[in-house]
C-alpha atoms as a PDB file:
ATOM      1  CA  MET A   1     109.173  35.106 127.732  1.00  0.00           C
ATOM      2  CA  ASP A   2     109.315  37.215 124.502  1.00  0.00           C
ATOM      3  CA  LYS A   3     111.716  35.999 122.215  1.00  0.00           C
ATOM      4  CA  ILE A   4     112.583  37.847 120.253  1.00  0.00           C
ATOM      5  CA  SER A   5     114.183  36.470 117.038  1.00  0.00           C
ATOM      6  CA  GLU A   6     116.344  39.042 114.809  1.00  0.00           C
ATOM      7  CA  ILE A   7     117.436  42.469 115.042  1.00  0.00           C
ATOM      8  CA  ARG A   8     117.197  44.534 110.992  1.00  0.00           C
ATOM      9  CA  ILE A   9     118.689  47.197 110.164  1.00  0.00           C
ATOM     10  CA  GLU A  10     117.634  48.560 106.148  1.00  0.00           C
ATOM     11  CA  HIS A  11     119.438  51.082 104.110  1.00  0.00           C
ATOM     12  CA  VAL A  12     116.766  52.881 102.291  1.00  0.00           C
ATOM     13  CA  ILE A  13     117.863  54.841  99.682  1.00  0.00           C
ATOM     14  CA  ASP A  14     114.976  56.973  98.419  1.00  0.00           C
ATOM     15  CA  GLU A  15     115.524  58.467  94.855  1.00  0.00           C
ATOM     16  CA  GLU A  16     112.101  59.805  93.838  1.00  0.00           C
ATOM     17  CA  ASN A  17     112.479  62.040  97.536  1.00  0.00           C
ATOM     18  CA  ASP A  18     115.968  62.285  97.629  1.00  0.00           C
ATOM     19  CA  GLN A  19     116.486  61.095 100.622  1.00  0.00           C
ATOM     20  CA  ASP A  20     119.242  58.710 102.260  1.00  0.00           C
ATOM     21  CA  TYR A  21     117.923  56.875 105.830  1.00  0.00           C
ATOM     22  CA  TYR A  22     117.990  53.819 107.999  1.00  0.00           C
ATOM     23  CA  TRP A  23     115.061  51.222 109.323  1.00  0.00           C
ATOM     24  CA  ILE A  24     115.790  50.267 112.216  1.00  0.00           C
ATOM     25  CA  TYR A  25     112.980  47.046 113.274  1.00  0.00           C
ATOM     26  CA  TYR A  26     113.142  43.906 115.484  1.00  0.00           C
ATOM     27  CA  TYR A  27     110.764  40.782 115.571  1.00  0.00           C
ATOM     28  CA  LYS A  28     109.101  40.414 118.572  1.00  0.00           C
ATOM     29  CA  ASN A  29     107.080  37.464 118.525  1.00  0.00           C
ATOM     30  CA  GLY A  30     106.921  36.777 115.182  1.00  0.00           C
ATOM     31  CA  LYS A  31     105.895  40.396 114.985  1.00  0.00           C
ATOM     32  CA  ILE A  32     107.709  43.143 113.167  1.00  0.00           C
ATOM     33  CA  LYS A  33     108.053  46.051 116.297  1.00  0.00           C
ATOM     34  CA  ILE A  34     109.643  49.243 114.731  1.00  0.00           C
ATOM     35  CA  ILE A  35     112.745  50.403 116.499  1.00  0.00           C
ATOM     36  CA  GLY A  36     112.757  53.855 114.231  1.00  0.00           C
ATOM     37  CA  LYS A  37     113.844  55.784 111.576  1.00  0.00           C
ATOM     38  CA  SER A  38     117.321  57.244 111.254  1.00  0.00           C
ATOM     39  CA  SER A  39     119.743  59.568 109.496  1.00  0.00           C
ATOM     40  CA  VAL A  40     122.783  58.223 110.733  1.00  0.00           C
ATOM     41  CA  LYS A  41     123.408  55.240 109.863  1.00  0.00           C
ATOM     42  CA  PRO A  42     123.425  53.130 113.672  1.00  0.00           C
ATOM     43  CA  GLN A  43     126.869  51.377 115.008  1.00  0.00           C
ATOM     44  CA  CYS A  44     126.316  47.857 116.262  1.00  0.00           C
ATOM     45  CA  TYR A  45     128.028  45.997 118.771  1.00  0.00           C
ATOM     46  CA  LYS A  46     127.444  42.871 120.005  1.00  0.00           C
ATOM     47  CA  GLN A  47     127.833  41.791 123.196  1.00  0.00           C
ATOM     48  CA  GLU A  48     127.844  38.541 125.261  1.00  0.00           C
ATOM     49  CA  ALA A  49     126.332  37.211 129.166  1.00  0.00           C
ATOM     50  CA  ARG A  50     127.163  34.165 130.721  1.00  0.00           C
ATOM     51  CA  TYR A  51     125.934  33.815 133.791  1.00  0.00           C
ATOM     52  CA  LEU A  52     127.671  31.709 136.480  1.00  0.00           C
ATOM     53  CA  LYS A  53     124.939  29.111 138.709  1.00  0.00           C
END
């Protein structure tokens, strides 16, 4: 099974190119995987699922 250890959203302000955006990426099995770049701040939700035996 894959191990996603962290999901991050970074707000980047590029004053030189007059840009304002968000990088969305995650760490999977020790490697960074980029999800995308957004000009709109993503909404974050926390959801937990519990399965009974």
